[in-house]
Amino acid sequence: MLSYDKQLKTLSQHLRKNMTDAENMLWLKLRRKQLKGYPFYRQKIIGKYIVDFYCPKANLVIELDGGQHYSETGKAKDGTRDEVLTEMGIKVLRFSDRDVFENIGGVMEGIWSCL
């Protein structure tokens, strides 16, 4: 079982209740083991991070990036976060919100190939 920062629990619950439109759209495709029978969790706490989606069976994190992720600060934070998760043995896939809205089929193929 992965360790997590218990102080993030309230924030994680808030994020689950207030997902972005892109997160909602992808969640409709991932929930209820629709993809190869793999379970996914949303707004899951791993260590000191809250990830958008996590599949424990595949040790896979899926992150959806809005505009703030493309600033220099956002890129640096995401790089550090991805490094930490990778060191934990977790594969990280990143897609832009635009990818989800304009090419959900391609996003699903990318996820499928990692399962």
C-alpha atoms as a PDB file:
ATOM      1  CA  MET A   1       0.000   0.000   0.000  1.00  0.00           C
ATOM      2  CA  LEU A   2       1.264   3.465  -0.861  1.00  0.00           C
ATOM      3  CA  SER A   3       1.893   5.918   1.941  1.00  0.00           C
ATOM      4  CA  TYR A   4       0.098   9.249   1.885  1.00  0.00           C
ATOM      5  CA  ASP A   5      -0.116  12.565   3.664  1.00  0.00           C
ATOM      6  CA  LYS A   6      -3.295  12.390   5.758  1.00  0.00           C
ATOM      7  CA  GLN A   7      -3.479  16.199   5.830  1.00  0.00           C
ATOM      8  CA  LEU A   8      -4.431  16.116   2.137  1.00  0.00           C
ATOM      9  CA  LYS A   9      -7.572  14.045   2.699  1.00  0.00           C
ATOM     10  CA  THR A  10      -9.980  17.002   2.936  1.00  0.00           C
ATOM     11  CA  LEU A  11      -8.485  18.630  -0.170  1.00  0.00           C
ATOM     12  CA  SER A  12      -8.676  15.348  -2.065  1.00  0.00           C
ATOM     13  CA  GLN A  13     -12.367  14.995  -1.183  1.00  0.00           C
ATOM     14  CA  HIS A  14     -12.992  18.589  -2.287  1.00  0.00           C
ATOM     15  CA  LEU A  15     -11.254  17.956  -5.625  1.00  0.00           C
ATOM     16  CA  ARG A  16     -13.336  14.800  -6.195  1.00  0.00           C
ATOM     17  CA  LYS A  17     -16.533  16.794  -5.689  1.00  0.00           C
ATOM     18  CA  ASN A  18     -15.331  19.653  -7.927  1.00  0.00           C
ATOM     19  CA  MET A  19     -13.605  17.985 -10.857  1.00  0.00           C
ATOM     20  CA  THR A  20     -12.875  19.953 -14.016  1.00  0.00           C
ATOM     21  CA  ASP A  21     -14.898  19.313 -17.168  1.00  0.00           C
ATOM     22  CA  ALA A  22     -11.955  17.404 -18.679  1.00  0.00           C
ATOM     23  CA  GLU A  23     -11.581  15.257 -15.559  1.00  0.00           C
ATOM     24  CA  ASN A  24     -15.315  14.491 -15.578  1.00  0.00           C
ATOM     25  CA  MET A  25     -15.186  13.515 -19.240  1.00  0.00           C
ATOM     26  CA  LEU A  26     -12.259  11.134 -18.729  1.00  0.00           C
ATOM     27  CA  TRP A  27     -13.720   9.750 -15.486  1.00  0.00           C
ATOM     28  CA  LEU A  28     -16.821   8.630 -17.407  1.00  0.00           C
ATOM     29  CA  LYS A  29     -14.503   6.429 -19.504  1.00  0.00           C
ATOM     30  CA  LEU A  30     -12.386   5.086 -16.622  1.00  0.00           C
ATOM     31  CA  ARG A  31     -14.831   4.404 -13.802  1.00  0.00           C
ATOM     32  CA  ARG A  32     -16.444   1.044 -13.057  1.00  0.00           C
ATOM     33  CA  LYS A  33     -13.532  -0.952 -14.506  1.00  0.00           C
ATOM     34  CA  GLN A  34     -14.548  -0.107 -18.088  1.00  0.00           C
ATOM     35  CA  LEU A  35     -10.978  -0.263 -19.379  1.00  0.00           C
ATOM     36  CA  LYS A  36      -9.731  -3.882 -19.466  1.00  0.00           C
ATOM     37  CA  GLY A  37     -11.397  -4.435 -16.090  1.00  0.00           C
ATOM     38  CA  TYR A  38      -8.829  -2.216 -14.342  1.00  0.00           C
ATOM     39  CA  PRO A  39      -9.965  -0.131 -11.355  1.00  0.00           C
ATOM     40  CA  PHE A  40      -9.169   3.580 -11.352  1.00  0.00           C
ATOM     41  CA  TYR A  41      -9.387   6.057  -8.492  1.00  0.00           C
ATOM     42  CA  ARG A  42      -9.765   9.803  -8.867  1.00  0.00           C
ATOM     43  CA  GLN A  43      -7.995  12.492  -6.863  1.00  0.00           C
ATOM     44  CA  LYS A  44      -5.912   9.843  -5.101  1.00  0.00           C
ATOM     45  CA  ILE A  45      -3.299  10.845  -2.525  1.00  0.00           C
ATOM     46  CA  ILE A  46       0.111   9.315  -3.178  1.00  0.00           C
ATOM     47  CA  GLY A  47       2.848  10.493  -0.841  1.00  0.00           C
ATOM     48  CA  LYS A  48       2.547  14.270  -0.653  1.00  0.00           C
ATOM     49  CA  TYR A  49       0.705  14.590  -3.974  1.00  0.00           C
ATOM     50  CA  ILE A  50      -2.890  14.308  -5.129  1.00  0.00           C
ATOM     51  CA  VAL A  51      -2.975  12.724  -8.577  1.00  0.00           C
ATOM     52  CA  ASP A  52      -5.906  13.086 -10.962  1.00  0.00           C
ATOM     53  CA  PHE A  53      -6.349   9.349 -11.626  1.00  0.00           C
ATOM     54  CA  TYR A  54      -4.562   6.271 -10.298  1.00  0.00           C
ATOM     55  CA  CYS A  55      -4.742   2.639 -11.372  1.00  0.00           C
ATOM     56  CA  PRO A  56      -3.072   0.463  -8.711  1.00  0.00           C
ATOM     57  CA  LYS A  57      -3.222  -2.718 -10.808  1.00  0.00           C
ATOM     58  CA  ALA A  58      -1.101  -1.073 -13.540  1.00  0.00           C
ATOM     59  CA  ASN A  59       0.799   1.264 -11.181  1.00  0.00           C
ATOM     60  CA  LEU A  60      -0.269   4.090 -13.472  1.00  0.00           C
ATOM     61  CA  VAL A  61      -1.058   7.754 -12.810  1.00  0.00           C
ATOM     62  CA  ILE A  62      -2.933   9.868 -15.343  1.00  0.00           C
ATOM     63  CA  GLU A  63      -2.639  13.629 -15.082  1.00  0.00           C
ATOM     64  CA  LEU A  64      -4.722  16.140 -17.022  1.00  0.00           C
ATOM     65  CA  ASP A  65      -3.025  19.463 -17.553  1.00  0.00           C
ATOM     66  CA  GLY A  66      -4.822  22.783 -17.862  1.00  0.00           C
ATOM     67  CA  GLY A  67      -3.162  26.075 -18.773  1.00  0.00           C
ATOM     68  CA  GLN A  68      -1.321  26.564 -15.452  1.00  0.00           C
ATOM     69  CA  HIS A  69       0.795  23.476 -16.183  1.00  0.00           C
ATOM     70  CA  TYR A  70       2.442  25.135 -19.171  1.00  0.00           C
ATOM     71  CA  SER A  71       4.061  28.019 -17.296  1.00  0.00           C
ATOM     72  CA  GLU A  72       7.725  27.669 -16.310  1.00  0.00           C
ATOM     73  CA  THR A  73       6.732  27.203 -12.663  1.00  0.00           C
ATOM     74  CA  GLY A  74       4.078  24.640 -13.579  1.00  0.00           C
ATOM     75  CA  LYS A  75       6.476  22.662 -15.767  1.00  0.00           C
ATOM     76  CA  ALA A  76       9.087  22.602 -12.994  1.00  0.00           C
ATOM     77  CA  LYS A  77       6.579  21.417 -10.366  1.00  0.00           C
ATOM     78  CA  ASP A  78       5.213  18.751 -12.703  1.00  0.00           C
ATOM     79  CA  GLY A  79       8.743  17.568 -13.499  1.00  0.00           C
ATOM     80  CA  THR A  80       9.608  17.185  -9.822  1.00  0.00           C
ATOM     81  CA  ARG A  81       6.325  15.425  -9.116  1.00  0.00           C
ATOM     82  CA  ASP A  82       6.766  13.021 -12.052  1.00  0.00           C
ATOM     83  CA  GLU A  83      10.304  12.253 -10.897  1.00  0.00           C
ATOM     84  CA  VAL A  84       9.131  11.383  -7.370  1.00  0.00           C
ATOM     85  CA  LEU A  85       6.307   9.190  -8.663  1.00  0.00           C
ATOM     86  CA  THR A  86       8.616   7.442 -11.133  1.00  0.00           C
ATOM     87  CA  GLU A  87      11.083   6.726  -8.328  1.00  0.00           C
ATOM     88  CA  MET A  88       8.182   5.054  -6.515  1.00  0.00           C
ATOM     89  CA  GLY A  89       7.759   2.762  -9.533  1.00  0.00           C
ATOM     90  CA  ILE A  90       4.690   4.546 -10.887  1.00  0.00           C
ATOM     91  CA  LYS A  91       4.303   5.377 -14.578  1.00  0.00           C
ATOM     92  CA  VAL A  92       2.896   8.857 -15.240  1.00  0.00           C
ATOM     93  CA  LEU A  93       0.871   9.742 -18.341  1.00  0.00           C
ATOM     94  CA  ARG A  94       0.071  13.394 -19.024  1.00  0.00           C
ATOM     95  CA  PHE A  95      -2.586  14.703 -21.359  1.00  0.00           C
ATOM     96  CA  SER A  96      -3.769  18.248 -21.896  1.00  0.00           C
ATOM     97  CA  ASP A  97      -7.377  19.161 -21.236  1.00  0.00           C
ATOM     98  CA  ARG A  98      -7.580  19.994 -24.929  1.00  0.00           C
ATOM     99  CA  ASP A  99      -6.550  16.394 -25.802  1.00  0.00           C
ATOM    100  CA  VAL A 100      -9.456  15.097 -23.733  1.00  0.00           C
ATOM    101  CA  PHE A 101     -11.978  17.432 -25.384  1.00  0.00           C
ATOM    102  CA  GLU A 102     -10.725  17.103 -28.958  1.00  0.00           C
ATOM    103  CA  ASN A 103      -9.278  13.580 -29.104  1.00  0.00           C
ATOM    104  CA  ILE A 104     -10.719  11.402 -26.340  1.00  0.00           C
ATOM    105  CA  GLY A 105     -10.203   8.326 -28.552  1.00  0.00           C
ATOM    106  CA  GLY A 106      -6.465   9.031 -28.771  1.00  0.00           C
ATOM    107  CA  VAL A 107      -6.279   9.600 -25.018  1.00  0.00           C
ATOM    108  CA  MET A 108      -8.016   6.286 -24.380  1.00  0.00           C
ATOM    109  CA  GLU A 109      -5.663   4.488 -26.786  1.00  0.00           C
ATOM    110  CA  GLY A 110      -2.685   5.959 -24.934  1.00  0.00           C
ATOM    111  CA  ILE A 111      -4.026   4.739 -21.615  1.00  0.00           C
ATOM    112  CA  TRP A 112      -5.000   1.345 -23.045  1.00  0.00           C
ATOM    113  CA  SER A 113      -1.457   0.759 -24.304  1.00  0.00           C
ATOM    114  CA  CYS A 114      -0.091   1.247 -20.757  1.00  0.00           C
ATOM    115  CA  LEU A 115      -2.402  -1.306 -19.156  1.00  0.00           C
END
